[in-house]
PDB file of N, CA and C in Angstrom:
ATOM      1  N   MET A   1       0.836  14.873  -6.584  1.00  0.00           N
ATOM      2  CA  MET A   1      -0.048  14.122  -5.870  1.00  0.00           C
ATOM      3  C   MET A   1      -0.721  14.981  -4.880  1.00  0.00           C
ATOM      4  N   SER A   2      -2.043  14.630  -4.756  1.00  0.00           N
ATOM      5  CA  SER A   2      -2.749  15.438  -3.730  1.00  0.00           C
ATOM      6  C   SER A   2      -2.621  14.991  -2.297  1.00  0.00           C
ATOM      7  N   ASN A   3      -2.955  16.027  -1.391  1.00  0.00           N
ATOM      8  CA  ASN A   3      -2.928  15.624   0.112  1.00  0.00           C
ATOM      9  C   ASN A   3      -3.645  14.315   0.159  1.00  0.00           C
ATOM     10  N   GLU A   4      -4.778  14.229  -0.404  1.00  0.00           N
ATOM     11  CA  GLU A   4      -5.647  13.076  -0.166  1.00  0.00           C
ATOM     12  C   GLU A   4      -4.861  11.735  -0.418  1.00  0.00           C
ATOM     13  N   ASN A   5      -4.279  11.684  -1.659  1.00  0.00           N
ATOM     14  CA  ASN A   5      -3.567  10.467  -2.048  1.00  0.00           C
ATOM     15  C   ASN A   5      -2.269  10.317  -1.322  1.00  0.00           C
ATOM     16  N   SER A   6      -1.571  11.271  -0.773  1.00  0.00           N
ATOM     17  CA  SER A   6      -0.291  11.319  -0.261  1.00  0.00           C
ATOM     18  C   SER A   6      -0.354  10.499   1.092  1.00  0.00           C
ATOM     19  N   ARG A   7      -1.484  10.315   1.656  1.00  0.00           N
ATOM     20  CA  ARG A   7      -1.569   9.719   2.953  1.00  0.00           C
ATOM     21  C   ARG A   7      -1.373   8.204   2.840  1.00  0.00           C
ATOM     22  N   LEU A   8      -1.223   7.798   1.573  1.00  0.00           N
ATOM     23  CA  LEU A   8      -0.811   6.305   1.439  1.00  0.00           C
ATOM     24  C   LEU A   8       0.596   6.098   1.151  1.00  0.00           C
ATOM     25  N   LYS A   9       1.459   7.258   1.283  1.00  0.00           N
ATOM     26  CA  LYS A   9       2.799   6.964   0.728  1.00  0.00           C
ATOM     27  C   LYS A   9       3.660   6.019   1.749  1.00  0.00           C
ATOM     28  N   ASN A  10       3.128   5.746   2.836  1.00  0.00           N
ATOM     29  CA  ASN A  10       3.765   4.928   3.804  1.00  0.00           C
ATOM     30  C   ASN A  10       3.915   3.250   3.022  1.00  0.00           C
ATOM     31  N   VAL A  11       2.887   2.915   2.360  1.00  0.00           N
ATOM     32  CA  VAL A  11       2.854   1.698   1.607  1.00  0.00           C
ATOM     33  C   VAL A  11       4.236   1.681   0.854  1.00  0.00           C
ATOM     34  N   LYS A  12       4.557   2.517   0.172  1.00  0.00           N
ATOM     35  CA  LYS A  12       5.909   2.419  -0.492  1.00  0.00           C
ATOM     36  C   LYS A  12       7.099   2.336   0.359  1.00  0.00           C
ATOM     37  N   ILE A  13       7.017   3.228   1.319  1.00  0.00           N
ATOM     38  CA  ILE A  13       8.083   3.320   2.224  1.00  0.00           C
ATOM     39  C   ILE A  13       8.311   1.961   3.041  1.00  0.00           C
ATOM     40  N   LEU A  14       7.269   1.473   3.575  1.00  0.00           N
ATOM     41  CA  LEU A  14       7.201   0.129   4.352  1.00  0.00           C
ATOM     42  C   LEU A  14       7.730  -1.034   3.494  1.00  0.00           C
ATOM     43  N   ARG A  15       7.186  -0.975   2.229  1.00  0.00           N
ATOM     44  CA  ARG A  15       7.571  -1.931   1.115  1.00  0.00           C
ATOM     45  C   ARG A  15       9.067  -2.054   0.880  1.00  0.00           C
ATOM     46  N   GLU A  16       9.716  -0.737   0.716  1.00  0.00           N
ATOM     47  CA  GLU A  16      11.130  -0.561   0.432  1.00  0.00           C
ATOM     48  C   GLU A  16      11.816  -0.910   1.784  1.00  0.00           C
ATOM     49  N   LYS A  17      11.418  -0.924   2.790  1.00  0.00           N
ATOM     50  CA  LYS A  17      12.035  -1.317   4.092  1.00  0.00           C
ATOM     51  C   LYS A  17      12.255  -2.703   4.198  1.00  0.00           C
ATOM     52  N   LYS A  18      11.351  -3.439   3.573  1.00  0.00           N
ATOM     53  CA  LYS A  18      11.344  -4.959   3.579  1.00  0.00           C
ATOM     54  C   LYS A  18      12.322  -5.417   2.402  1.00  0.00           C
ATOM     55  N   GLY A  19      12.543  -4.483   1.507  1.00  0.00           N
ATOM     56  CA  GLY A  19      13.488  -4.754   0.448  1.00  0.00           C
ATOM     57  C   GLY A  19      12.524  -5.563  -0.688  1.00  0.00           C
ATOM     58  N   TRP A  20      11.305  -5.215  -0.639  1.00  0.00           N
ATOM     59  CA  TRP A  20      10.390  -6.000  -1.634  1.00  0.00           C
ATOM     60  C   TRP A  20      10.231  -5.089  -2.866  1.00  0.00           C
ATOM     61  N   THR A  21       9.916  -5.724  -3.927  1.00  0.00           N
ATOM     62  CA  THR A  21       9.633  -5.074  -5.171  1.00  0.00           C
ATOM     63  C   THR A  21       8.003  -4.868  -5.131  1.00  0.00           C
ATOM     64  N   GLN A  22       7.432  -4.060  -5.903  1.00  0.00           N
ATOM     65  CA  GLN A  22       6.032  -4.001  -5.982  1.00  0.00           C
ATOM     66  C   GLN A  22       5.340  -5.204  -6.343  1.00  0.00           C
ATOM     67  N   GLU A  23       5.994  -6.001  -7.292  1.00  0.00           N
ATOM     68  CA  GLU A  23       5.562  -7.348  -7.573  1.00  0.00           C
ATOM     69  C   GLU A  23       5.452  -8.311  -6.631  1.00  0.00           C
ATOM     70  N   LYS A  24       6.488  -8.315  -5.695  1.00  0.00           N
ATOM     71  CA  LYS A  24       6.408  -9.126  -4.558  1.00  0.00           C
ATOM     72  C   LYS A  24       5.436  -8.762  -3.529  1.00  0.00           C
ATOM     73  N   LEU A  25       5.263  -7.473  -3.079  1.00  0.00           N
ATOM     74  CA  LEU A  25       4.310  -7.164  -2.315  1.00  0.00           C
ATOM     75  C   LEU A  25       2.755  -7.369  -2.837  1.00  0.00           C
ATOM     76  N   ALA A  26       2.589  -7.179  -4.214  1.00  0.00           N
ATOM     77  CA  ALA A  26       1.287  -7.513  -4.729  1.00  0.00           C
ATOM     78  C   ALA A  26       0.865  -9.007  -4.623  1.00  0.00           C
ATOM     79  N   GLN A  27       2.015  -9.829  -4.890  1.00  0.00           N
ATOM     80  CA  GLN A  27       1.788 -11.478  -4.670  1.00  0.00           C
ATOM     81  C   GLN A  27       1.589 -11.654  -3.360  1.00  0.00           C
ATOM     82  N   GLU A  28       2.399 -11.315  -2.638  1.00  0.00           N
ATOM     83  CA  GLU A  28       2.245 -11.716  -1.127  1.00  0.00           C
ATOM     84  C   GLU A  28       0.819 -11.316  -0.544  1.00  0.00           C
ATOM     85  N   ALA A  29       0.326 -10.125  -0.840  1.00  0.00           N
ATOM     86  CA  ALA A  29      -1.045  -9.549  -0.422  1.00  0.00           C
ATOM     87  C   ALA A  29      -2.008 -10.092  -1.163  1.00  0.00           C
ATOM     88  N   GLY A  30      -1.830 -10.784  -2.178  1.00  0.00           N
ATOM     89  CA  GLY A  30      -2.950 -11.182  -3.080  1.00  0.00           C
ATOM     90  C   GLY A  30      -3.939 -10.149  -3.710  1.00  0.00           C
ATOM     91  N   ILE A  31      -3.017  -9.185  -4.232  1.00  0.00           N
ATOM     92  CA  ILE A  31      -3.906  -8.064  -4.912  1.00  0.00           C
ATOM     93  C   ILE A  31      -3.156  -7.957  -6.210  1.00  0.00           C
ATOM     94  N   SER A  32      -3.712  -7.285  -7.048  1.00  0.00           N
ATOM     95  CA  SER A  32      -3.202  -7.026  -8.452  1.00  0.00           C
ATOM     96  C   SER A  32      -1.980  -6.069  -8.561  1.00  0.00           C
ATOM     97  N   TYR A  33      -0.967  -6.142  -9.424  1.00  0.00           N
ATOM     98  CA  TYR A  33       0.063  -5.405  -9.457  1.00  0.00           C
ATOM     99  C   TYR A  33      -0.332  -4.064  -9.840  1.00  0.00           C
ATOM    100  N   GLN A  34      -1.210  -3.853 -10.573  1.00  0.00           N
ATOM    101  CA  GLN A  34      -1.804  -2.661 -11.057  1.00  0.00           C
ATOM    102  C   GLN A  34      -2.439  -1.773  -9.959  1.00  0.00           C
ATOM    103  N   THR A  35      -3.063  -2.606  -8.992  1.00  0.00           N
ATOM    104  CA  THR A  35      -3.697  -1.876  -8.034  1.00  0.00           C
ATOM    105  C   THR A  35      -2.637  -1.259  -7.063  1.00  0.00           C
ATOM    106  N   LEU A  36      -1.631  -1.959  -6.680  1.00  0.00           N
ATOM    107  CA  LEU A  36      -0.532  -1.489  -5.742  1.00  0.00           C
ATOM    108  C   LEU A  36      -0.032  -0.371  -6.537  1.00  0.00           C
ATOM    109  N   ILE A  37       0.281  -0.370  -7.824  1.00  0.00           N
ATOM    110  CA  ILE A  37       0.955   0.793  -8.471  1.00  0.00           C
ATOM    111  C   ILE A  37       0.164   2.095  -8.149  1.00  0.00           C
ATOM    112  N   LYS A  38      -1.182   1.814  -8.451  1.00  0.00           N
ATOM    113  CA  LYS A  38      -2.057   3.020  -8.240  1.00  0.00           C
ATOM    114  C   LYS A  38      -2.189   3.428  -6.748  1.00  0.00           C
ATOM    115  N   ILE A  39      -2.125   2.541  -5.908  1.00  0.00           N
ATOM    116  CA  ILE A  39      -2.137   2.944  -4.455  1.00  0.00           C
ATOM    117  C   ILE A  39      -0.936   3.735  -4.112  1.00  0.00           C
ATOM    118  N   GLU A  40       0.157   3.135  -4.510  1.00  0.00           N
ATOM    119  CA  GLU A  40       1.412   3.900  -4.266  1.00  0.00           C
ATOM    120  C   GLU A  40       1.615   5.149  -4.846  1.00  0.00           C
ATOM    121  N   HIS A  41       1.100   5.399  -6.065  1.00  0.00           N
ATOM    122  CA  HIS A  41       1.203   6.679  -6.759  1.00  0.00           C
ATOM    123  C   HIS A  41      -0.007   7.609  -6.890  1.00  0.00           C
ATOM    124  N   GLY A  42      -0.881   7.222  -5.821  1.00  0.00           N
ATOM    125  CA  GLY A  42      -2.020   7.947  -5.570  1.00  0.00           C
ATOM    126  C   GLY A  42      -3.179   8.074  -6.599  1.00  0.00           C
ATOM    127  N   GLY A  43      -3.187   6.997  -7.501  1.00  0.00           N
ATOM    128  CA  GLY A  43      -4.294   6.655  -8.542  1.00  0.00           C
ATOM    129  C   GLY A  43      -5.467   6.278  -7.875  1.00  0.00           C
ATOM    130  N   ILE A  44      -5.497   5.700  -6.779  1.00  0.00           N
ATOM    131  CA  ILE A  44      -6.774   5.310  -6.017  1.00  0.00           C
ATOM    132  C   ILE A  44      -6.827   6.093  -4.853  1.00  0.00           C
ATOM    133  N   LYS A  45      -8.009   6.871  -4.837  1.00  0.00           N
ATOM    134  CA  LYS A  45      -7.981   7.857  -3.757  1.00  0.00           C
ATOM    135  C   LYS A  45      -8.551   7.211  -2.466  1.00  0.00           C
ATOM    136  N   ASN A  46      -9.310   6.201  -2.547  1.00  0.00           N
ATOM    137  CA  ASN A  46      -9.955   5.448  -1.525  1.00  0.00           C
ATOM    138  C   ASN A  46      -9.927   3.853  -1.578  1.00  0.00           C
ATOM    139  N   PRO A  47      -8.818   3.338  -1.417  1.00  0.00           N
ATOM    140  CA  PRO A  47      -8.803   1.935  -1.621  1.00  0.00           C
ATOM    141  C   PRO A  47      -9.664   1.196  -0.684  1.00  0.00           C
ATOM    142  N   ARG A  48     -10.016  -0.012  -0.994  1.00  0.00           N
ATOM    143  CA  ARG A  48     -11.001  -0.908  -0.332  1.00  0.00           C
ATOM    144  C   ARG A  48     -10.295  -1.184   1.109  1.00  0.00           C
ATOM    145  N   MET A  49     -11.003  -1.205   2.103  1.00  0.00           N
ATOM    146  CA  MET A  49     -10.458  -1.568   3.455  1.00  0.00           C
ATOM    147  C   MET A  49      -9.812  -2.967   3.381  1.00  0.00           C
ATOM    148  N   GLU A  50     -10.427  -3.860   2.565  1.00  0.00           N
ATOM    149  CA  GLU A  50     -10.008  -5.198   2.426  1.00  0.00           C
ATOM    150  C   GLU A  50      -8.560  -5.292   1.936  1.00  0.00           C
ATOM    151  N   THR A  51      -8.285  -4.415   0.812  1.00  0.00           N
ATOM    152  CA  THR A  51      -7.020  -4.222   0.242  1.00  0.00           C
ATOM    153  C   THR A  51      -5.930  -3.694   1.205  1.00  0.00           C
ATOM    154  N   LEU A  52      -6.464  -2.774   1.934  1.00  0.00           N
ATOM    155  CA  LEU A  52      -5.392  -2.130   2.968  1.00  0.00           C
ATOM    156  C   LEU A  52      -5.142  -3.021   4.092  1.00  0.00           C
ATOM    157  N   ILE A  53      -5.986  -4.027   4.390  1.00  0.00           N
ATOM    158  CA  ILE A  53      -5.768  -5.094   5.402  1.00  0.00           C
ATOM    159  C   ILE A  53      -4.799  -6.046   4.910  1.00  0.00           C
ATOM    160  N   LYS A  54      -5.016  -6.479   3.592  1.00  0.00           N
ATOM    161  CA  LYS A  54      -4.056  -7.545   3.143  1.00  0.00           C
ATOM    162  C   LYS A  54      -2.539  -6.952   2.936  1.00  0.00           C
ATOM    163  N   ILE A  55      -2.593  -5.561   2.674  1.00  0.00           N
ATOM    164  CA  ILE A  55      -1.238  -4.992   2.625  1.00  0.00           C
ATOM    165  C   ILE A  55      -0.488  -4.942   3.961  1.00  0.00           C
ATOM    166  N   ALA A  56      -1.404  -4.490   4.822  1.00  0.00           N
ATOM    167  CA  ALA A  56      -0.820  -4.258   6.321  1.00  0.00           C
ATOM    168  C   ALA A  56      -0.374  -5.599   6.973  1.00  0.00           C
ATOM    169  N   ARG A  57      -1.148  -6.550   6.572  1.00  0.00           N
ATOM    170  CA  ARG A  57      -0.888  -7.989   7.053  1.00  0.00           C
ATOM    171  C   ARG A  57       0.522  -8.507   6.535  1.00  0.00           C
ATOM    172  N   VAL A  58       0.633  -8.431   5.348  1.00  0.00           N
ATOM    173  CA  VAL A  58       1.918  -9.034   4.844  1.00  0.00           C
ATOM    174  C   VAL A  58       3.175  -8.018   5.072  1.00  0.00           C
ATOM    175  N   LEU A  59       2.828  -6.882   5.344  1.00  0.00           N
ATOM    176  CA  LEU A  59       3.971  -5.896   5.789  1.00  0.00           C
ATOM    177  C   LEU A  59       4.272  -5.951   7.274  1.00  0.00           C
ATOM    178  N   GLU A  60       3.314  -6.832   7.924  1.00  0.00           N
ATOM    179  CA  GLU A  60       3.269  -6.884   9.416  1.00  0.00           C
ATOM    180  C   GLU A  60       3.350  -5.730  10.082  1.00  0.00           C
ATOM    181  N   VAL A  61       2.359  -4.732   9.810  1.00  0.00           N
ATOM    182  CA  VAL A  61       2.144  -3.458  10.385  1.00  0.00           C
ATOM    183  C   VAL A  61       0.616  -3.348  10.640  1.00  0.00           C
ATOM    184  N   SER A  62       0.221  -2.389  11.465  1.00  0.00           N
ATOM    185  CA  SER A  62      -1.157  -2.095  11.678  1.00  0.00           C
ATOM    186  C   SER A  62      -1.715  -1.329  10.438  1.00  0.00           C
ATOM    187  N   ILE A  63      -2.884  -1.175  10.400  1.00  0.00           N
ATOM    188  CA  ILE A  63      -3.241  -0.371   9.291  1.00  0.00           C
ATOM    189  C   ILE A  63      -2.971   1.108   9.434  1.00  0.00           C
ATOM    190  N   ASP A  64      -2.926   1.634  10.779  1.00  0.00           N
ATOM    191  CA  ASP A  64      -2.638   3.096  10.951  1.00  0.00           C
ATOM    192  C   ASP A  64      -1.255   3.465  10.478  1.00  0.00           C
ATOM    193  N   LYS A  65      -0.363   2.328  10.397  1.00  0.00           N
ATOM    194  CA  LYS A  65       1.031   2.585   9.920  1.00  0.00           C
ATOM    195  C   LYS A  65       1.021   2.728   8.386  1.00  0.00           C
ATOM    196  N   ILE A  66       0.165   2.359   7.638  1.00  0.00           N
ATOM    197  CA  ILE A  66       0.094   2.552   6.183  1.00  0.00           C
ATOM    198  C   ILE A  66      -0.682   3.823   5.752  1.00  0.00           C
ATOM    199  N   ILE A  67      -1.739   4.191   6.650  1.00  0.00           N
ATOM    200  CA  ILE A  67      -2.488   5.478   6.550  1.00  0.00           C
ATOM    201  C   ILE A  67      -1.983   6.445   7.160  1.00  0.00           C
ATOM    202  N   GLU A  68      -1.577   7.547   6.641  1.00  0.00           N
ATOM    203  CA  GLU A  68      -1.165   8.714   7.310  1.00  0.00           C
ATOM    204  C   GLU A  68      -2.152   9.885   7.060  1.00  0.00           C
ATOM    205  N   TYR A  69      -2.608  10.328   8.033  1.00  0.00           N
ATOM    206  CA  TYR A  69      -3.790  11.396   8.201  1.00  0.00           C
ATOM    207  C   TYR A  69      -3.058  12.872   8.452  1.00  0.00           C
TER     208      TYR A  69
END
């Protein structure tokens, strides 16, 4: 995983803290399961802001908590 992609590693950490599966987070956020997998594993280098907002909202955190610079 490159440094660019690793900045989104907090999505997985925050999801696991809630005890949610990838399927649960994708469903709650209204995004596809495949998109979430790609975000967590670095397959999407620059996810859309709308997607990050959806994820942050359901994880009940600010966007800066899921994006690590």
